[in-house]
PDB file of N, CA and C in Angstrom:
ATOM      1  N   MET A   1     -88.418 -17.943 123.786  1.00  0.00           N
ATOM      2  CA  MET A   1     -88.222 -19.370 123.890  1.00  0.00           C
ATOM      3  C   MET A   1     -86.785 -19.731 123.310  1.00  0.00           C
ATOM      4  N   PHE A   2     -86.049 -20.631 123.941  1.00  0.00           N
ATOM      5  CA  PHE A   2     -84.868 -21.102 123.163  1.00  0.00           C
ATOM      6  C   PHE A   2     -85.110 -22.122 122.348  1.00  0.00           C
ATOM      7  N   ASN A   3     -84.554 -22.002 121.141  1.00  0.00           N
ATOM      8  CA  ASN A   3     -84.829 -22.940 119.917  1.00  0.00           C
ATOM      9  C   ASN A   3     -83.517 -23.638 119.421  1.00  0.00           C
ATOM     10  N   PHE A   4     -83.337 -24.776 119.835  1.00  0.00           N
ATOM     11  CA  PHE A   4     -81.916 -25.406 119.726  1.00  0.00           C
ATOM     12  C   PHE A   4     -81.514 -25.436 118.245  1.00  0.00           C
ATOM     13  N   PHE A   5     -82.358 -25.782 117.418  1.00  0.00           N
ATOM     14  CA  PHE A   5     -81.902 -25.486 115.742  1.00  0.00           C
ATOM     15  C   PHE A   5     -81.714 -24.139 115.461  1.00  0.00           C
ATOM     16  N   GLU A   6     -82.486 -23.095 115.828  1.00  0.00           N
ATOM     17  CA  GLU A   6     -81.984 -21.812 115.465  1.00  0.00           C
ATOM     18  C   GLU A   6     -80.756 -21.423 115.864  1.00  0.00           C
ATOM     19  N   GLU A   7     -80.410 -21.857 117.371  1.00  0.00           N
ATOM     20  CA  GLU A   7     -79.248 -21.481 117.905  1.00  0.00           C
ATOM     21  C   GLU A   7     -78.140 -22.056 116.926  1.00  0.00           C
ATOM     22  N   ILE A   8     -78.059 -23.260 116.461  1.00  0.00           N
ATOM     23  CA  ILE A   8     -77.066 -23.750 115.619  1.00  0.00           C
ATOM     24  C   ILE A   8     -77.004 -23.097 114.221  1.00  0.00           C
ATOM     25  N   LYS A   9     -78.239 -23.007 113.705  1.00  0.00           N
ATOM     26  CA  LYS A   9     -77.935 -22.329 112.436  1.00  0.00           C
ATOM     27  C   LYS A   9     -77.502 -20.900 112.502  1.00  0.00           C
ATOM     28  N   LYS A  10     -77.695 -20.061 113.606  1.00  0.00           N
ATOM     29  CA  LYS A  10     -77.011 -18.859 113.635  1.00  0.00           C
ATOM     30  C   LYS A  10     -75.353 -19.011 113.797  1.00  0.00           C
ATOM     31  N   SER A  11     -75.150 -20.125 114.570  1.00  0.00           N
ATOM     32  CA  SER A  11     -73.631 -20.219 114.726  1.00  0.00           C
ATOM     33  C   SER A  11     -72.884 -20.613 113.716  1.00  0.00           C
ATOM     34  N   VAL A  12     -73.413 -21.356 112.656  1.00  0.00           N
ATOM     35  CA  VAL A  12     -72.718 -21.948 111.515  1.00  0.00           C
ATOM     36  C   VAL A  12     -72.518 -21.056 110.359  1.00  0.00           C
ATOM     37  N   GLY A  13     -73.230 -19.619 110.413  1.00  0.00           N
ATOM     38  CA  GLY A  13     -73.397 -18.684 109.522  1.00  0.00           C
ATOM     39  C   GLY A  13     -73.158 -18.966 108.053  1.00  0.00           C
ATOM     40  N   SER A  14     -71.950 -19.216 107.351  1.00  0.00           N
ATOM     41  CA  SER A  14     -71.801 -19.172 106.188  1.00  0.00           C
ATOM     42  C   SER A  14     -72.173 -20.666 105.168  1.00  0.00           C
ATOM     43  N   ILE A  15     -72.773 -21.472 105.969  1.00  0.00           N
ATOM     44  CA  ILE A  15     -73.137 -22.621 105.280  1.00  0.00           C
ATOM     45  C   ILE A  15     -74.257 -22.520 104.288  1.00  0.00           C
ATOM     46  N   ASP A  16     -74.479 -23.376 103.177  1.00  0.00           N
ATOM     47  CA  ASP A  16     -75.422 -23.264 102.260  1.00  0.00           C
ATOM     48  C   ASP A  16     -76.811 -23.139 102.926  1.00  0.00           C
ATOM     49  N   PRO A  17     -77.669 -22.029 102.832  1.00  0.00           N
ATOM     50  CA  PRO A  17     -79.124 -22.120 103.381  1.00  0.00           C
ATOM     51  C   PRO A  17     -79.697 -23.308 103.172  1.00  0.00           C
ATOM     52  N   ASN A  18     -79.646 -23.944 101.971  1.00  0.00           N
ATOM     53  CA  ASN A  18     -80.705 -24.911 101.516  1.00  0.00           C
ATOM     54  C   ASN A  18     -80.473 -26.202 102.425  1.00  0.00           C
ATOM     55  N   ILE A  19     -79.475 -26.447 102.989  1.00  0.00           N
ATOM     56  CA  ILE A  19     -78.903 -27.550 103.782  1.00  0.00           C
ATOM     57  C   ILE A  19     -79.703 -27.159 104.948  1.00  0.00           C
ATOM     58  N   LEU A  20     -79.540 -26.038 105.459  1.00  0.00           N
ATOM     59  CA  LEU A  20     -80.255 -25.773 106.798  1.00  0.00           C
ATOM     60  C   LEU A  20     -81.965 -25.495 106.874  1.00  0.00           C
ATOM     61  N   ASN A  21     -82.445 -25.505 105.653  1.00  0.00           N
ATOM     62  CA  ASN A  21     -83.742 -25.446 105.580  1.00  0.00           C
ATOM     63  C   ASN A  21     -84.705 -26.636 105.256  1.00  0.00           C
ATOM     64  N   THR A  22     -84.002 -27.614 105.443  1.00  0.00           N
ATOM     65  CA  THR A  22     -84.848 -28.812 105.284  1.00  0.00           C
ATOM     66  C   THR A  22     -85.836 -29.293 106.417  1.00  0.00           C
ATOM     67  N   TYR A  23     -85.078 -30.328 107.295  1.00  0.00           N
ATOM     68  CA  TYR A  23     -85.701 -30.961 108.454  1.00  0.00           C
ATOM     69  C   TYR A  23     -84.569 -31.143 109.591  1.00  0.00           C
ATOM     70  N   ASN A  24     -85.000 -31.301 110.706  1.00  0.00           N
ATOM     71  CA  ASN A  24     -84.172 -31.683 111.680  1.00  0.00           C
ATOM     72  C   ASN A  24     -84.532 -32.865 112.478  1.00  0.00           C
ATOM     73  N   ILE A  25     -83.832 -33.945 112.970  1.00  0.00           N
ATOM     74  CA  ILE A  25     -84.469 -34.850 113.622  1.00  0.00           C
ATOM     75  C   ILE A  25     -83.473 -35.199 114.970  1.00  0.00           C
ATOM     76  N   ILE A  26     -83.684 -35.271 115.831  1.00  0.00           N
ATOM     77  CA  ILE A  26     -83.150 -35.723 117.209  1.00  0.00           C
ATOM     78  C   ILE A  26     -83.783 -36.876 117.936  1.00  0.00           C
ATOM     79  N   ASN A  27     -82.961 -37.987 117.899  1.00  0.00           N
ATOM     80  CA  ASN A  27     -83.476 -39.160 118.450  1.00  0.00           C
ATOM     81  C   ASN A  27     -82.804 -39.502 119.984  1.00  0.00           C
ATOM     82  N   ILE A  28     -83.418 -39.232 121.079  1.00  0.00           N
ATOM     83  CA  ILE A  28     -83.111 -39.278 122.490  1.00  0.00           C
ATOM     84  C   ILE A  28     -83.214 -40.676 123.049  1.00  0.00           C
ATOM     85  N   SER A  29     -82.121 -41.455 122.955  1.00  0.00           N
ATOM     86  CA  SER A  29     -81.987 -42.550 123.944  1.00  0.00           C
ATOM     87  C   SER A  29     -83.080 -43.636 123.102  1.00  0.00           C
ATOM     88  N   GLY A  30     -83.502 -43.447 122.106  1.00  0.00           N
ATOM     89  CA  GLY A  30     -84.315 -44.309 121.588  1.00  0.00           C
ATOM     90  C   GLY A  30     -85.941 -44.282 122.078  1.00  0.00           C
ATOM     91  N   LYS A  31     -86.142 -43.228 123.057  1.00  0.00           N
ATOM     92  CA  LYS A  31     -87.262 -43.220 123.381  1.00  0.00           C
ATOM     93  C   LYS A  31     -87.970 -41.832 123.265  1.00  0.00           C
ATOM     94  N   ILE A  32     -87.473 -40.876 122.854  1.00  0.00           N
ATOM     95  CA  ILE A  32     -88.156 -39.663 122.199  1.00  0.00           C
ATOM     96  C   ILE A  32     -87.480 -39.372 121.160  1.00  0.00           C
ATOM     97  N   LEU A  33     -88.361 -38.936 120.007  1.00  0.00           N
ATOM     98  CA  LEU A  33     -87.856 -38.244 118.673  1.00  0.00           C
ATOM     99  C   LEU A  33     -88.546 -37.187 118.540  1.00  0.00           C
ATOM    100  N   TYR A  34     -87.695 -35.970 118.251  1.00  0.00           N
ATOM    101  CA  TYR A  34     -88.084 -34.774 117.978  1.00  0.00           C
ATOM    102  C   TYR A  34     -87.729 -34.314 116.684  1.00  0.00           C
ATOM    103  N   VAL A  35     -88.798 -33.706 115.962  1.00  0.00           N
ATOM    104  CA  VAL A  35     -88.841 -33.569 114.649  1.00  0.00           C
ATOM    105  C   VAL A  35     -89.220 -32.047 114.445  1.00  0.00           C
ATOM    106  N   GLU A  36     -88.444 -31.089 113.505  1.00  0.00           N
ATOM    107  CA  GLU A  36     -88.531 -30.001 113.214  1.00  0.00           C
ATOM    108  C   GLU A  36     -88.495 -29.978 111.579  1.00  0.00           C
ATOM    109  N   GLY A  37     -89.594 -29.314 111.158  1.00  0.00           N
ATOM    110  CA  GLY A  37     -89.686 -29.220 109.549  1.00  0.00           C
ATOM    111  C   GLY A  37     -90.475 -30.230 108.755  1.00  0.00           C
ATOM    112  N   HIS A  38     -91.213 -30.928 109.439  1.00  0.00           N
ATOM    113  CA  HIS A  38     -92.014 -32.100 108.681  1.00  0.00           C
ATOM    114  C   HIS A  38     -93.150 -31.350 107.998  1.00  0.00           C
ATOM    115  N   MET A  39     -93.795 -31.997 107.029  1.00  0.00           N
ATOM    116  CA  MET A  39     -94.633 -31.449 106.214  1.00  0.00           C
ATOM    117  C   MET A  39     -96.057 -32.249 106.198  1.00  0.00           C
ATOM    118  N   GLY A  40     -96.336 -33.004 107.332  1.00  0.00           N
ATOM    119  CA  GLY A  40     -97.588 -33.803 107.601  1.00  0.00           C
ATOM    120  C   GLY A  40     -97.462 -35.222 107.837  1.00  0.00           C
ATOM    121  N   LEU A  41     -98.216 -35.865 108.456  1.00  0.00           N
ATOM    122  CA  LEU A  41     -98.236 -37.246 108.846  1.00  0.00           C
ATOM    123  C   LEU A  41     -98.798 -37.964 107.275  1.00  0.00           C
ATOM    124  N   THR A  42     -98.364 -39.174 107.271  1.00  0.00           N
ATOM    125  CA  THR A  42     -98.915 -40.150 106.489  1.00  0.00           C
ATOM    126  C   THR A  42     -99.337 -41.366 106.892  1.00  0.00           C
ATOM    127  N   MET A  43     -98.812 -41.533 108.279  1.00  0.00           N
ATOM    128  CA  MET A  43     -99.365 -42.812 108.729  1.00  0.00           C
ATOM    129  C   MET A  43     -99.201 -42.771 110.348  1.00  0.00           C
ATOM    130  N   LEU A  44     -99.961 -43.278 110.913  1.00  0.00           N
ATOM    131  CA  LEU A  44    -100.134 -43.251 112.344  1.00  0.00           C
ATOM    132  C   LEU A  44    -100.753 -44.270 112.901  1.00  0.00           C
ATOM    133  N   SER A  45     -99.846 -45.242 113.666  1.00  0.00           N
ATOM    134  CA  SER A  45    -100.054 -46.099 114.552  1.00  0.00           C
ATOM    135  C   SER A  45     -99.335 -46.582 115.743  1.00  0.00           C
ATOM    136  N   LYS A  46     -99.516 -47.466 116.499  1.00  0.00           N
ATOM    137  CA  LYS A  46     -98.620 -47.648 117.824  1.00  0.00           C
ATOM    138  C   LYS A  46     -97.354 -48.484 117.408  1.00  0.00           C
ATOM    139  N   GLU A  47     -97.095 -48.874 116.183  1.00  0.00           N
ATOM    140  CA  GLU A  47     -95.845 -49.604 115.586  1.00  0.00           C
ATOM    141  C   GLU A  47     -95.073 -48.931 114.624  1.00  0.00           C
ATOM    142  N   MET A  48     -95.795 -47.865 114.046  1.00  0.00           N
ATOM    143  CA  MET A  48     -95.291 -47.147 112.648  1.00  0.00           C
ATOM    144  C   MET A  48     -95.893 -45.725 112.734  1.00  0.00           C
ATOM    145  N   ILE A  49     -94.927 -44.704 112.765  1.00  0.00           N
ATOM    146  CA  ILE A  49     -95.532 -43.216 112.397  1.00  0.00           C
ATOM    147  C   ILE A  49     -94.438 -42.808 111.116  1.00  0.00           C
ATOM    148  N   ALA A  50     -95.328 -42.434 110.207  1.00  0.00           N
ATOM    149  CA  ALA A  50     -94.452 -41.874 109.130  1.00  0.00           C
ATOM    150  C   ALA A  50     -95.188 -40.291 108.536  1.00  0.00           C
ATOM    151  N   PHE A  51     -93.993 -39.530 108.192  1.00  0.00           N
ATOM    152  CA  PHE A  51     -94.429 -38.210 107.879  1.00  0.00           C
ATOM    153  C   PHE A  51     -93.653 -37.851 106.719  1.00  0.00           C
ATOM    154  N   LYS A  52     -94.031 -36.579 106.037  1.00  0.00           N
ATOM    155  CA  LYS A  52     -93.503 -36.101 104.734  1.00  0.00           C
ATOM    156  C   LYS A  52     -92.426 -35.014 105.301  1.00  0.00           C
ATOM    157  N   VAL A  53     -91.169 -34.934 104.630  1.00  0.00           N
ATOM    158  CA  VAL A  53     -90.249 -33.825 104.762  1.00  0.00           C
ATOM    159  C   VAL A  53     -89.939 -33.334 103.409  1.00  0.00           C
ATOM    160  N   LYS A  54     -89.179 -32.314 103.375  1.00  0.00           N
ATOM    161  CA  LYS A  54     -89.013 -31.466 102.063  1.00  0.00           C
ATOM    162  C   LYS A  54     -88.574 -32.456 100.989  1.00  0.00           C
ATOM    163  N   ARG A  55     -87.577 -33.271 101.386  1.00  0.00           N
ATOM    164  CA  ARG A  55     -87.004 -34.153 100.324  1.00  0.00           C
ATOM    165  C   ARG A  55     -87.236 -35.622 100.385  1.00  0.00           C
ATOM    166  N   GLY A  56     -88.453 -35.894 100.783  1.00  0.00           N
ATOM    167  CA  GLY A  56     -88.724 -37.512 100.913  1.00  0.00           C
ATOM    168  C   GLY A  56     -89.890 -37.525 102.048  1.00  0.00           C
ATOM    169  N   ARG A  57     -89.542 -38.869 102.757  1.00  0.00           N
ATOM    170  CA  ARG A  57     -90.483 -39.327 103.627  1.00  0.00           C
ATOM    171  C   ARG A  57     -89.651 -40.008 104.988  1.00  0.00           C
ATOM    172  N   VAL A  58     -90.133 -39.922 106.085  1.00  0.00           N
ATOM    173  CA  VAL A  58     -89.707 -40.620 107.194  1.00  0.00           C
ATOM    174  C   VAL A  58     -90.425 -41.678 107.693  1.00  0.00           C
ATOM    175  N   MET A  59     -89.761 -42.758 108.134  1.00  0.00           N
ATOM    176  CA  MET A  59     -90.547 -43.858 108.907  1.00  0.00           C
ATOM    177  C   MET A  59     -90.132 -43.934 110.401  1.00  0.00           C
ATOM    178  N   VAL A  60     -90.848 -44.186 111.200  1.00  0.00           N
ATOM    179  CA  VAL A  60     -90.342 -44.426 112.425  1.00  0.00           C
ATOM    180  C   VAL A  60     -91.037 -45.591 113.111  1.00  0.00           C
ATOM    181  N   GLU A  61     -90.231 -46.697 113.348  1.00  0.00           N
ATOM    182  CA  GLU A  61     -90.701 -47.993 113.550  1.00  0.00           C
ATOM    183  C   GLU A  61     -90.381 -48.266 115.231  1.00  0.00           C
ATOM    184  N   GLY A  62     -91.460 -48.706 116.109  1.00  0.00           N
ATOM    185  CA  GLY A  62     -91.216 -49.162 117.432  1.00  0.00           C
ATOM    186  C   GLY A  62     -92.266 -49.791 117.971  1.00  0.00           C
ATOM    187  N   LYS A  63     -92.559 -49.593 119.406  1.00  0.00           N
ATOM    188  CA  LYS A  63     -93.516 -50.367 120.173  1.00  0.00           C
ATOM    189  C   LYS A  63     -93.947 -49.234 120.957  1.00  0.00           C
ATOM    190  N   GLU A  64     -95.273 -49.111 121.072  1.00  0.00           N
ATOM    191  CA  GLU A  64     -96.226 -48.107 121.884  1.00  0.00           C
ATOM    192  C   GLU A  64     -95.819 -46.741 121.337  1.00  0.00           C
ATOM    193  N   LEU A  65     -95.891 -46.493 120.394  1.00  0.00           N
ATOM    194  CA  LEU A  65     -95.441 -45.051 119.737  1.00  0.00           C
ATOM    195  C   LEU A  65     -96.396 -44.086 120.189  1.00  0.00           C
ATOM    196  N   VAL A  66     -96.336 -43.017 120.369  1.00  0.00           N
ATOM    197  CA  VAL A  66     -97.590 -42.239 120.805  1.00  0.00           C
ATOM    198  C   VAL A  66     -97.010 -40.704 120.051  1.00  0.00           C
ATOM    199  N   MET A  67     -97.847 -39.895 119.558  1.00  0.00           N
ATOM    200  CA  MET A  67     -97.528 -38.581 118.688  1.00  0.00           C
ATOM    201  C   MET A  67     -97.959 -37.764 120.203  1.00  0.00           C
ATOM    202  N   TYR A  68     -97.016 -37.543 120.787  1.00  0.00           N
ATOM    203  CA  TYR A  68     -97.140 -36.694 121.967  1.00  0.00           C
ATOM    204  C   TYR A  68     -97.336 -35.105 121.725  1.00  0.00           C
ATOM    205  N   GLU A  69     -96.798 -34.568 120.633  1.00  0.00           N
ATOM    206  CA  GLU A  69     -96.888 -33.196 120.425  1.00  0.00           C
ATOM    207  C   GLU A  69     -96.923 -33.088 118.844  1.00  0.00           C
ATOM    208  N   LEU A  70     -97.771 -32.398 118.319  1.00  0.00           N
ATOM    209  CA  LEU A  70     -97.786 -32.023 116.787  1.00  0.00           C
ATOM    210  C   LEU A  70     -98.042 -30.431 116.643  1.00  0.00           C
ATOM    211  N   THR A  71     -97.270 -29.605 115.955  1.00  0.00           N
ATOM    212  CA  THR A  71     -97.779 -28.386 115.462  1.00  0.00           C
ATOM    213  C   THR A  71     -97.680 -28.157 113.943  1.00  0.00           C
ATOM    214  N   GLU A  72     -97.639 -27.192 113.604  1.00  0.00           N
ATOM    215  CA  GLU A  72     -97.573 -27.132 111.871  1.00  0.00           C
ATOM    216  C   GLU A  72     -96.293 -27.486 111.487  1.00  0.00           C
ATOM    217  N   ASN A  73     -95.049 -27.409 112.222  1.00  0.00           N
ATOM    218  CA  ASN A  73     -93.928 -28.024 111.514  1.00  0.00           C
ATOM    219  C   ASN A  73     -92.885 -28.720 112.566  1.00  0.00           C
ATOM    220  N   THR A  74     -93.606 -28.832 113.695  1.00  0.00           N
ATOM    221  CA  THR A  74     -92.752 -29.728 114.745  1.00  0.00           C
ATOM    222  C   THR A  74     -93.719 -31.091 115.005  1.00  0.00           C
ATOM    223  N   MET A  75     -92.971 -31.878 115.881  1.00  0.00           N
ATOM    224  CA  MET A  75     -93.629 -33.039 116.395  1.00  0.00           C
ATOM    225  C   MET A  75     -92.469 -33.643 117.483  1.00  0.00           C
ATOM    226  N   LYS A  76     -93.158 -34.435 118.282  1.00  0.00           N
ATOM    227  CA  LYS A  76     -92.573 -35.035 119.281  1.00  0.00           C
ATOM    228  C   LYS A  76     -93.457 -36.276 119.537  1.00  0.00           C
ATOM    229  N   ILE A  77     -92.293 -37.607 119.151  1.00  0.00           N
ATOM    230  CA  ILE A  77     -92.885 -38.987 119.230  1.00  0.00           C
ATOM    231  C   ILE A  77     -92.360 -39.437 120.376  1.00  0.00           C
ATOM    232  N   VAL A  78     -92.817 -40.256 121.329  1.00  0.00           N
ATOM    233  CA  VAL A  78     -92.618 -40.947 122.458  1.00  0.00           C
ATOM    234  C   VAL A  78     -92.918 -42.312 122.519  1.00  0.00           C
ATOM    235  N   GLY A  79     -92.033 -43.186 122.930  1.00  0.00           N
ATOM    236  CA  GLY A  79     -92.272 -44.646 122.708  1.00  0.00           C
ATOM    237  C   GLY A  79     -90.905 -45.388 122.530  1.00  0.00           C
ATOM    238  N   GLN A  80     -91.031 -46.716 122.303  1.00  0.00           N
ATOM    239  CA  GLN A  80     -89.868 -47.524 122.218  1.00  0.00           C
ATOM    240  C   GLN A  80     -89.423 -47.572 120.675  1.00  0.00           C
ATOM    241  N   ILE A  81     -88.386 -46.482 120.313  1.00  0.00           N
ATOM    242  CA  ILE A  81     -88.088 -46.194 118.897  1.00  0.00           C
ATOM    243  C   ILE A  81     -87.088 -47.380 118.551  1.00  0.00           C
ATOM    244  N   SER A  82     -87.124 -47.949 117.579  1.00  0.00           N
ATOM    245  CA  SER A  82     -86.341 -49.046 117.223  1.00  0.00           C
ATOM    246  C   SER A  82     -85.782 -48.511 115.934  1.00  0.00           C
ATOM    247  N   LYS A  83     -86.311 -47.848 114.934  1.00  0.00           N
ATOM    248  CA  LYS A  83     -85.730 -47.572 113.613  1.00  0.00           C
ATOM    249  C   LYS A  83     -86.448 -46.328 112.993  1.00  0.00           C
ATOM    250  N   VAL A  84     -85.333 -45.543 112.656  1.00  0.00           N
ATOM    251  CA  VAL A  84     -85.987 -44.009 111.737  1.00  0.00           C
ATOM    252  C   VAL A  84     -85.246 -44.360 110.522  1.00  0.00           C
ATOM    253  N   GLU A  85     -86.181 -44.478 109.276  1.00  0.00           N
ATOM    254  CA  GLU A  85     -85.632 -44.372 108.172  1.00  0.00           C
ATOM    255  C   GLU A  85     -86.211 -43.301 107.412  1.00  0.00           C
ATOM    256  N   VAL A  86     -85.240 -42.668 106.565  1.00  0.00           N
ATOM    257  CA  VAL A  86     -85.563 -41.317 105.481  1.00  0.00           C
ATOM    258  C   VAL A  86     -85.562 -42.192 104.251  1.00  0.00           C
ATOM    259  N   LEU A  87     -86.634 -42.114 103.399  1.00  0.00           N
ATOM    260  CA  LEU A  87     -86.787 -42.608 102.218  1.00  0.00           C
ATOM    261  C   LEU A  87     -86.812 -41.423 101.150  1.00  0.00           C
TER     262      LEU A  87
END
């Protein structure tokens, strides 16, 4: 299976591996948020979803937020995403 982030990591080669081994977030048109490298949910509601990452916490705010997919290190959030904040 094609993994976008793995392909990027392979193509950059000599960059410090600590930078590449934290987490990745892609916000697609404020409607889909794809996350790789999360370390667990801390809050889940239709207006806010928060989760831990290696060096902090991420808060996603919006309307009608739904946790569409959740695996041990990836997640996909769907809804009207208005704000993504890394704390």
